[in-house]
Amino acid sequence: MKHGSFLVFEGLDGSGKSTQVARLAEALRERGREVVVTAEPFEGSEWGRRIRAMARAGDPLPPDEELSWFWKQRRDHVEQCIRPAMARGCTVVCDRYYLSTVAYQGARGLDPAVLLHESEVEFPLPDLVLLLEVEPALGLERAGTRGEPSEPVFERQDFLERVASVFASLELDYLERIDARGDVDAVHAAILGALRGRDLLD
């Protein structure tokens, strides 16, 4: 069976994930890879659409219920998109995955260690997670200029500081930290360097 690679971008709101996902996908396609770009919340799932609507409405759920919605959309995401693409030999590039649940729902009071363990047991492990690091204030400043609907449930500095603290605590073999404060080209170059260092780029 063919088996593609699975690359995930993580980071705070406004860290530049969407921009760098697009840049990396383009670079991989130029090298002849078949690339599938996807994201969470997964819009192909009813639960993903519910999460997006909830975040934009500014009306948070109780943490346990919110977690259950994220788990359900991720199961749909894995079965409908990620596993089939990897079975075809594609490179999957994903904007957010389970480490966002660890950090964001961890910042809402759930246990990050438990969330990480349960995620690694149930869901496919990425070949590499690229964690784009910026200060919460800079992330919010960038998020405010991107021209998309805001998500007040998550885009608050006090909350993002707690999220950043969880991200900072993670020590995982498949995680690379990228300084995302620089310009787009510099961050892209650092990402390509990280992939080469893991033998994930020709």
Protein backbone atom coordinates (compact mmCIF):
# COMPACT_ATOMS: atom_id res chain seq x y z
CA MET A 1 0.00 0.00 0.00
CA LYS A 2 1.17 3.52 -0.72
CA HIS A 3 1.73 5.72 2.29
CA GLY A 4 2.04 9.46 2.06
CA SER A 5 3.42 11.86 4.61
CA PHE A 6 1.38 13.87 7.10
CA LEU A 7 2.52 17.41 7.93
CA VAL A 8 0.68 19.59 10.45
CA PHE A 9 0.89 23.30 11.20
CA GLU A 10 0.04 24.48 14.72
CA GLY A 11 0.18 27.80 16.50
CA LEU A 12 -1.80 30.66 17.93
CA ASP A 13 -4.38 32.58 15.97
CA GLY A 14 -2.48 35.01 13.73
CA SER A 15 0.75 32.99 13.72
CA GLY A 16 0.66 32.68 9.92
CA LYS A 17 -0.42 29.07 9.56
CA SER A 18 -2.73 29.54 6.58
CA THR A 19 -0.11 31.51 4.65
CA GLN A 20 2.61 28.97 5.35
CA VAL A 21 0.36 26.00 4.57
CA ALA A 22 -0.24 27.48 1.11
CA ARG A 23 3.46 28.24 0.58
CA LEU A 24 4.53 24.74 1.60
CA ALA A 25 1.88 23.07 -0.55
CA GLU A 26 3.10 25.06 -3.55
CA ALA A 27 6.73 24.14 -2.84
CA LEU A 28 5.86 20.45 -2.56
CA ARG A 29 3.82 20.46 -5.77
CA GLU A 30 6.74 22.07 -7.59
CA ARG A 31 8.75 19.03 -6.49
CA GLY A 32 6.21 16.67 -8.03
CA ARG A 33 4.29 15.73 -4.89
CA GLU A 34 0.54 15.20 -4.90
CA VAL A 35 -0.61 17.40 -2.02
CA VAL A 36 -3.90 17.48 -0.13
CA VAL A 37 -4.43 20.64 1.92
CA THR A 38 -6.92 20.41 4.75
CA ALA A 39 -7.76 22.11 8.04
CA GLU A 40 -9.56 21.88 11.34
CA PRO A 41 -12.27 22.53 12.24
CA PHE A 42 -13.02 20.22 9.29
CA GLU A 43 -15.70 21.81 7.13
CA GLY A 44 -16.65 18.43 5.68
CA SER A 45 -18.06 17.44 9.07
CA GLU A 46 -21.28 18.70 10.63
CA TRP A 47 -19.33 18.98 13.89
CA GLY A 48 -16.62 21.09 12.26
CA ARG A 49 -19.23 23.48 10.91
CA ARG A 50 -20.84 23.70 14.35
CA ILE A 51 -17.48 24.53 15.96
CA ARG A 52 -16.82 27.33 13.46
CA ALA A 53 -20.27 28.82 14.00
CA MET A 54 -19.89 28.61 17.79
CA ALA A 55 -16.47 30.30 17.71
CA ARG A 56 -17.77 33.17 15.58
CA ALA A 57 -20.94 33.62 17.64
CA GLY A 58 -18.86 34.19 20.77
CA ASP A 59 -20.95 31.79 22.85
CA PRO A 60 -18.61 29.11 24.29
CA LEU A 61 -19.75 25.64 25.22
CA PRO A 62 -18.88 23.93 28.50
CA PRO A 63 -15.33 22.56 28.07
CA ASP A 64 -16.34 18.87 28.06
CA GLU A 65 -19.01 19.44 25.41
CA GLU A 66 -16.65 21.55 23.32
CA LEU A 67 -14.07 18.75 23.51
CA SER A 68 -16.65 16.21 22.35
CA TRP A 69 -17.40 18.32 19.27
CA PHE A 70 -13.70 18.54 18.42
CA TRP A 71 -13.28 14.78 18.84
CA LYS A 72 -16.26 14.05 16.56
CA GLN A 73 -15.11 16.39 13.80
CA ARG A 74 -11.60 14.89 13.98
CA ARG A 75 -12.90 11.36 13.57
CA ASP A 76 -14.77 12.53 10.45
CA HIS A 77 -11.66 14.37 9.24
CA VAL A 78 -9.40 11.35 9.62
CA GLU A 79 -11.79 8.89 7.97
CA GLN A 80 -13.06 11.16 5.16
CA CYS A 81 -9.85 13.00 4.27
CA ILE A 82 -6.57 12.17 6.00
CA ARG A 83 -6.44 8.36 5.84
CA PRO A 84 -7.71 8.11 2.22
CA ALA A 85 -5.22 10.75 1.01
CA MET A 86 -2.29 9.06 2.74
CA ALA A 87 -3.36 5.67 1.36
CA ARG A 88 -3.11 7.20 -2.14
CA GLY A 89 0.46 8.28 -1.37
CA CYS A 90 -0.37 11.99 -1.07
CA THR A 91 1.35 14.46 1.20
CA VAL A 92 -1.31 15.81 3.57
CA VAL A 93 -0.71 19.35 4.83
CA CYS A 94 -3.08 20.19 7.67
CA ASP A 95 -3.82 23.55 9.33
CA ARG A 96 -4.41 22.51 12.97
CA TYR A 97 -4.85 19.00 14.35
CA TYR A 98 -4.93 17.44 17.78
CA LEU A 99 -2.24 19.60 19.40
CA SER A 100 -4.64 22.51 19.00
CA THR A 101 -7.11 20.55 21.11
CA VAL A 102 -4.39 19.86 23.67
CA ALA A 103 -3.51 23.56 23.88
CA TYR A 104 -6.87 25.29 23.44
CA GLN A 105 -9.04 22.92 25.44
CA GLY A 106 -6.17 22.58 27.91
CA ALA A 107 -6.33 26.35 28.34
CA ARG A 108 -10.01 25.95 29.14
CA GLY A 109 -9.18 23.79 32.16
CA LEU A 110 -8.95 20.25 30.80
CA ASP A 111 -5.78 18.24 31.42
CA PRO A 112 -3.35 18.69 28.50
CA ALA A 113 -1.46 15.47 29.33
CA VAL A 114 -4.67 13.43 29.18
CA LEU A 115 -5.77 15.14 25.96
CA LEU A 116 -2.39 14.39 24.36
CA HIS A 117 -2.36 10.75 25.42
CA GLU A 118 -5.91 10.11 24.21
CA SER A 119 -5.18 11.86 20.91
CA GLU A 120 -2.01 9.90 20.22
CA VAL A 121 -3.82 6.64 20.98
CA GLU A 122 -6.79 7.31 18.68
CA PHE A 123 -5.57 9.42 15.78
CA PRO A 124 -2.78 9.02 13.18
CA LEU A 125 0.48 10.59 14.36
CA PRO A 126 1.88 13.31 12.09
CA ASP A 127 5.28 12.80 10.52
CA LEU A 128 6.03 16.38 11.57
CA VAL A 129 4.27 19.19 13.41
CA LEU A 130 5.51 22.70 12.64
CA LEU A 131 4.61 24.91 15.59
CA LEU A 132 4.66 28.55 14.47
CA GLU A 133 5.50 30.64 17.51
CA VAL A 134 4.48 34.28 18.01
CA GLU A 135 3.53 36.29 21.08
CA PRO A 136 -0.24 36.39 21.69
CA ALA A 137 -0.39 40.18 21.22
CA LEU A 138 1.30 39.94 17.81
CA GLY A 139 -0.96 37.05 16.81
CA LEU A 140 -4.07 39.03 17.68
CA GLU A 141 -2.77 42.07 15.83
CA ARG A 142 -2.23 39.97 12.72
CA ALA A 143 -5.58 38.20 13.10
CA GLY A 144 -7.33 41.55 13.19
CA THR A 145 -5.97 42.49 9.76
CA ARG A 146 -6.66 39.28 7.84
CA GLY A 147 -10.15 40.27 6.69
CA GLU A 148 -11.91 37.16 8.02
CA PRO A 149 -14.72 36.93 10.59
CA SER A 150 -13.35 37.09 14.12
CA GLU A 151 -13.70 34.19 16.55
CA PRO A 152 -14.19 35.86 19.94
CA VAL A 153 -14.47 32.54 21.77
CA PHE A 154 -10.76 31.93 21.14
CA GLU A 155 -9.24 35.26 20.04
CA ARG A 156 -8.65 36.88 23.43
CA GLN A 157 -5.21 37.75 24.77
CA ASP A 158 -5.68 36.31 28.26
CA PHE A 159 -6.90 33.04 26.76
CA LEU A 160 -4.16 32.90 24.11
CA GLU A 161 -1.52 33.43 26.77
CA ARG A 162 -2.74 30.25 28.46
CA VAL A 163 -2.77 28.46 25.08
CA ALA A 164 0.81 29.59 24.42
CA SER A 165 1.85 28.25 27.81
CA VAL A 166 0.51 24.79 26.93
CA PHE A 167 2.22 24.84 23.54
CA ALA A 168 5.48 25.87 25.23
CA SER A 169 5.28 22.87 27.58
CA LEU A 170 5.10 20.26 24.80
CA GLU A 171 8.14 18.09 24.21
CA LEU A 172 7.47 15.72 21.31
CA ASP A 173 9.82 13.98 18.91
CA TYR A 174 7.64 14.94 15.95
CA LEU A 175 7.40 18.66 16.82
CA GLU A 176 9.60 21.44 15.40
CA ARG A 177 9.31 25.01 16.71
CA ILE A 178 9.50 27.77 14.10
CA ASP A 179 10.01 31.43 14.97
CA ALA A 180 7.09 32.98 13.08
CA ARG A 181 7.77 36.63 13.97
CA GLY A 182 9.76 37.31 10.79
CA ASP A 183 8.60 37.97 7.26
CA VAL A 184 6.79 35.34 5.21
CA ASP A 185 9.85 34.34 3.15
CA ALA A 186 12.06 33.87 6.22
CA VAL A 187 9.47 31.70 7.95
CA HIS A 188 8.97 29.64 4.78
CA ALA A 189 12.73 29.08 4.52
CA ALA A 190 12.85 27.90 8.14
CA ILE A 191 10.01 25.48 7.44
CA LEU A 192 11.79 24.00 4.42
CA GLY A 193 14.91 23.65 6.54
CA ALA A 194 12.96 21.76 9.20
CA LEU A 195 11.60 19.36 6.59
CA ARG A 196 15.07 18.75 5.15
CA GLY A 197 16.37 18.07 8.63
CA ARG A 198 13.79 15.30 8.96
CA ASP A 199 14.40 13.88 5.46
CA LEU A 200 10.87 14.93 4.47
CA LEU A 201 11.93 17.14 1.56
CA ASP A 202 13.81 16.19 -1.59
